[in-house]
Protein backbone atom coordinates (compact mmCIF):
# COMPACT_ATOMS: atom_id res chain seq x y z
CA MET A 1 17.58 -12.17 -3.93
CA VAL A 2 14.25 -10.44 -4.44
CA ARG A 3 12.97 -8.80 -1.29
CA HIS A 4 9.28 -8.82 -0.54
CA LEU A 5 7.03 -8.92 2.47
CA LEU A 6 5.13 -12.05 3.33
CA ILE A 7 1.39 -11.50 3.34
CA PRO A 8 0.66 -10.64 6.95
CA ALA A 9 -2.05 -13.18 7.69
CA LEU A 10 -2.61 -11.93 11.19
CA VAL A 11 -3.07 -8.35 10.03
CA ILE A 12 -5.45 -9.45 7.29
CA THR A 13 -7.47 -11.53 9.74
CA VAL A 14 -7.68 -8.68 12.22
CA ALA A 15 -8.56 -6.21 9.48
CA ALA A 16 -11.34 -8.42 8.18
CA GLY A 17 -12.67 -8.86 11.69
CA LEU A 18 -12.69 -5.13 12.28
CA ALA A 19 -14.49 -4.58 9.01
CA GLY A 20 -17.10 -7.17 9.84
CA CYS A 21 -18.08 -5.56 13.12
CA SER A 22 -17.75 -1.86 12.29
CA SER A 23 -20.57 0.62 12.43
CA GLU A 24 -21.17 4.35 12.20
CA ASN A 25 -20.43 4.60 15.93
CA ASP A 26 -17.08 2.83 15.79
CA THR A 27 -15.13 6.10 15.99
CA GLU A 28 -16.21 6.54 19.60
CA ALA A 29 -16.04 2.85 20.46
CA GLY A 30 -12.69 1.80 19.09
CA GLY A 31 -11.01 4.46 16.98
CA GLN A 32 -12.33 3.27 13.62
CA SER A 33 -14.24 5.50 11.29
CA THR A 34 -16.17 4.95 8.09
CA LYS A 35 -15.27 7.50 5.41
CA PRO A 36 -17.12 6.84 2.15
CA ASP A 37 -15.70 10.05 0.67
CA SER A 38 -11.98 9.42 1.28
CA LEU A 39 -11.49 5.72 0.49
CA CYS A 40 -8.16 5.79 2.36
CA GLY A 41 -7.11 8.79 0.29
CA VAL A 42 -7.74 7.05 -3.05
CA ALA A 43 -10.75 9.19 -3.98
CA LYS A 44 -8.61 12.26 -4.68
CA ASP A 45 -6.52 10.38 -7.32
CA SER A 46 -8.71 9.90 -10.39
CA ALA A 47 -6.65 7.08 -11.95
CA ALA A 48 -6.42 5.20 -8.65
CA HIS A 49 -10.11 5.78 -7.95
CA LYS A 50 -11.05 4.27 -11.31
CA ALA A 51 -8.70 1.34 -10.63
CA LEU A 52 -10.38 0.77 -7.27
CA ILE A 53 -13.83 0.77 -8.89
CA ASP A 54 -12.56 -1.74 -11.45
CA LEU A 55 -11.26 -4.01 -8.68
CA ALA A 56 -14.46 -3.81 -6.66
CA GLY A 57 -16.86 -3.93 -9.58
CA THR A 58 -18.90 -1.15 -7.97
CA LYS A 59 -18.77 2.57 -7.22
CA ASP A 60 -20.51 1.99 -3.90
CA MET A 61 -17.64 1.53 -1.46
CA LYS A 62 -16.65 2.51 2.05
CA SER A 63 -13.30 3.01 3.75
CA MET A 64 -12.48 2.06 7.29
CA ASP A 65 -9.61 3.31 9.42
CA PHE A 66 -7.91 0.67 11.53
CA ALA A 67 -5.16 2.93 12.87
CA GLY A 68 -5.47 5.46 10.04
CA VAL A 69 -2.73 6.68 7.70
CA ALA A 70 -1.91 9.75 9.82
CA LYS A 71 -1.62 7.67 13.00
CA VAL A 72 0.52 5.05 11.28
CA ALA A 73 2.86 7.76 9.96
CA LYS A 74 3.17 9.30 13.43
CA ASP A 75 3.92 5.88 14.92
CA MET A 76 6.53 5.13 12.25
CA LYS A 77 8.30 8.46 12.80
CA SER A 78 8.43 7.92 16.54
CA ASN A 79 9.94 4.46 16.02
CA LEU A 80 12.75 5.49 13.68
CA THR A 81 15.33 5.28 16.44
CA ALA A 82 14.08 1.92 17.71
CA PRO A 83 15.64 -1.35 16.52
CA LEU A 84 14.19 -2.49 13.20
CA GLU A 85 11.25 -4.78 13.83
CA ASP A 86 9.05 -6.91 11.62
CA ARG A 87 5.90 -4.99 12.45
CA LYS A 88 3.23 -4.20 9.88
CA ARG A 89 1.07 -1.26 10.87
CA SER A 90 -2.46 -1.70 9.56
CA ALA A 91 -3.67 1.69 8.32
CA CYS A 92 -7.02 1.27 6.60
CA GLY A 93 -9.13 -0.75 4.19
CA VAL A 94 -11.69 -0.24 1.43
CA TYR A 95 -14.71 -2.52 1.01
CA PRO A 96 -17.72 -2.74 -1.29
CA ALA A 97 -20.66 -1.34 0.66
CA THR A 98 -22.43 -4.69 0.40
CA ASP A 99 -19.46 -6.77 1.64
CA ALA A 100 -17.71 -5.85 4.87
CA ASN A 101 -15.41 -8.89 4.82
CA ASN A 102 -13.77 -8.86 1.39
CA GLY A 103 -11.89 -5.71 0.51
CA ILE A 104 -8.41 -4.32 -0.03
CA THR A 105 -6.36 -3.50 3.07
CA PHE A 106 -3.22 -1.39 3.44
CA ASP A 107 -0.36 -1.63 5.90
CA PHE A 108 3.12 -0.15 6.24
CA SER A 109 6.39 -0.93 7.97
CA TRP A 110 10.04 0.08 8.05
CA ASP A 111 12.45 -2.26 6.28
CA GLU A 112 16.23 -2.21 5.99
CA ARG A 113 17.23 -0.10 2.99
CA PHE A 114 18.74 -2.22 0.25
CA SER A 115 19.83 -1.73 -3.33
CA PHE A 116 16.98 -2.33 -5.76
CA LYS A 117 19.52 -3.00 -8.51
CA GLU A 118 20.96 -5.98 -6.65
CA SER A 119 17.64 -7.84 -6.74
CA SER A 120 18.02 -9.42 -10.15
CA SER A 121 16.29 -12.79 -9.73
CA PRO A 122 12.89 -13.08 -11.46
CA GLN A 123 9.91 -14.73 -9.80
CA SER A 124 7.29 -16.60 -11.77
CA ASP A 125 4.36 -14.92 -10.00
CA ALA A 126 5.88 -11.43 -9.59
CA VAL A 127 5.76 -8.29 -11.73
CA PHE A 128 7.84 -5.20 -10.96
CA TYR A 129 7.22 -1.51 -11.72
CA ASN A 130 9.41 1.56 -11.95
CA LEU A 131 8.03 4.29 -9.69
CA GLY A 132 10.82 6.83 -9.94
CA ASP A 133 12.71 6.62 -6.66
CA ALA A 134 10.57 3.67 -5.59
CA VAL A 135 9.85 0.19 -6.95
CA GLY A 136 6.48 -1.55 -7.06
CA GLN A 137 5.69 -5.24 -7.09
CA THR A 138 2.59 -7.37 -7.49
CA LEU A 139 2.26 -11.04 -6.61
CA SER A 140 -0.41 -13.32 -8.07
CA ASP A 141 -2.84 -10.40 -8.58
CA LYS A 142 -3.72 -10.38 -4.87
CA ALA A 143 -0.78 -8.81 -3.05
CA SER A 144 1.05 -5.65 -4.02
CA TYR A 145 4.04 -3.85 -2.55
CA ILE A 146 5.88 -0.57 -2.91
CA TYR A 147 9.38 -0.10 -1.53
CA LEU A 148 10.21 3.56 -1.13
CA PRO A 149 13.14 5.38 0.44
CA CYS A 150 11.88 8.17 2.70
CA ASP A 151 14.33 10.75 3.99
CA VAL A 152 12.65 12.10 7.11
CA PRO A 153 14.01 15.58 7.93
CA GLY A 154 16.09 15.57 11.09
CA ALA A 155 16.16 11.78 11.33
CA LYS A 156 19.45 10.36 10.06
CA GLU A 157 18.19 6.85 10.81
CA SER A 158 15.82 7.12 7.85
CA GLY A 159 18.83 6.90 5.55
CA ASN A 160 19.22 3.26 6.56
CA ARG A 161 15.57 2.34 6.14
CA LEU A 162 12.82 2.38 3.57
CA VAL A 163 9.06 2.18 3.77
CA ALA A 164 7.53 -1.13 2.76
CA ALA A 165 3.93 -0.50 1.71
CA HIS A 166 1.64 -3.49 1.30
CA ALA A 167 -1.88 -4.07 0.05
CA TYR A 168 -3.82 -7.31 0.09
CA ASN A 169 -6.93 -7.71 -2.03
CA SER A 170 -9.50 -10.29 -0.93
CA MET A 171 -12.27 -9.09 -3.25
CA PRO A 172 -13.49 -11.48 -5.97
CA GLN A 173 -11.95 -10.55 -9.31
CA ASN A 174 -14.19 -8.36 -11.44
CA GLY A 175 -14.39 -10.35 -14.66
CA GLN A 176 -16.13 -7.52 -16.53
CA VAL A 177 -13.03 -5.32 -16.59
CA GLU A 178 -10.24 -5.80 -19.12
CA GLU A 179 -7.58 -3.84 -17.20
CA ASN A 180 -4.85 -5.83 -15.48
CA SER A 181 -5.88 -6.37 -11.86
CA GLY A 182 -2.27 -6.20 -10.68
CA ASP A 183 -1.88 -2.79 -12.33
CA ASN A 184 -5.09 -1.65 -10.66
CA GLN A 185 -3.83 -2.76 -7.27
CA LEU A 186 -0.51 -0.99 -7.82
CA LEU A 187 -2.29 2.27 -8.69
CA VAL A 188 -4.46 2.06 -5.59
CA LEU A 189 -1.54 1.23 -3.27
CA ASN A 190 0.45 4.09 -4.80
CA ALA A 191 -2.32 6.55 -3.94
CA VAL A 192 -2.51 5.39 -0.31
CA SER A 193 1.29 5.39 -0.07
CA ARG A 194 1.34 8.99 -1.24
CA GLU A 195 -0.90 9.83 1.70
CA LEU A 196 1.65 8.20 4.01
CA VAL A 197 4.57 9.98 2.30
CA SER A 198 2.80 13.29 2.85
CA GLU A 199 2.25 12.52 6.53
CA LEU A 200 5.85 11.32 7.00
CA GLY A 201 7.14 14.46 5.30
CA CYS A 202 9.66 12.59 3.11
CA ALA A 203 12.07 15.27 1.89
CA ASN A 204 12.92 13.27 -1.24
CA ASP A 205 9.22 12.92 -2.23
CA PRO A 206 9.74 9.41 -3.65
CA LEU A 207 6.29 9.05 -5.28
CA LYS A 208 6.09 12.45 -6.96
CA GLY A 209 5.71 11.08 -10.49
CA ALA A 210 2.81 9.22 -12.06
CA PRO A 211 3.18 5.43 -11.78
CA ASP A 212 4.66 3.66 -14.80
CA LEU A 213 2.59 0.54 -15.43
CA LYS A 214 5.15 -1.13 -17.67
CA HIS A 215 5.99 -4.62 -16.41
CA TYR A 216 9.55 -5.67 -15.61
CA PRO A 217 10.73 -9.21 -14.80
CA THR A 218 13.04 -8.24 -11.92
CA MET A 219 13.37 -5.48 -9.36
CA SER A 220 16.74 -4.59 -10.86
CA ASP A 221 15.17 -4.12 -14.31
CA ALA A 222 12.48 -1.89 -12.86
CA ALA A 223 14.90 0.21 -10.83
CA GLY A 224 17.24 0.68 -13.81
CA ALA A 225 14.52 1.77 -16.22
CA PRO A 226 14.47 5.45 -17.22
CA SER A 227 11.81 7.36 -15.28
């Protein structure tokens, strides 16, 4: 059976609400910050940055920290010994500068580690990607996921878990761009996930290679493809 996260409606609602009421002074007021230069870490990855511009239809964007990638990684590491819980940690979001309500938001959680090659059932609205040691997935061009094993040094519990990265895009589709919007979302999520991997210190470096944007019908097909 194909594993994927359900779109966390509560997280999305909260994220949108935070975006709608943020300001330059939010860092002092509630821990948020507006970072037009970082875009949740996407700005440093040229392919992902271009994909984000294509999704938004503008170069004028702003990022907002909800918890922040570094804080989310710290929280996830401290919870490795706790019982597995269905908790999505909202890290950050990117929004067109003219629209604080419709953007792309990113969250992360631990999930039980499972064999990618056992998930061999296709889904009509899903596309899968080979990402080396990880597998990507997009659903209906609005939600994207990356499942990545992360071996945290000194934490044997990490061998039983993987990171489930999730992005939800509420921006109107940019009809002027020919690139596949699902591919664009996958590239953007991959860049933010690399930021998390760096903060977690994953010894296996699961996202070290460039994303392969070839489409596969099942997770098993994607995982078995040569990388």
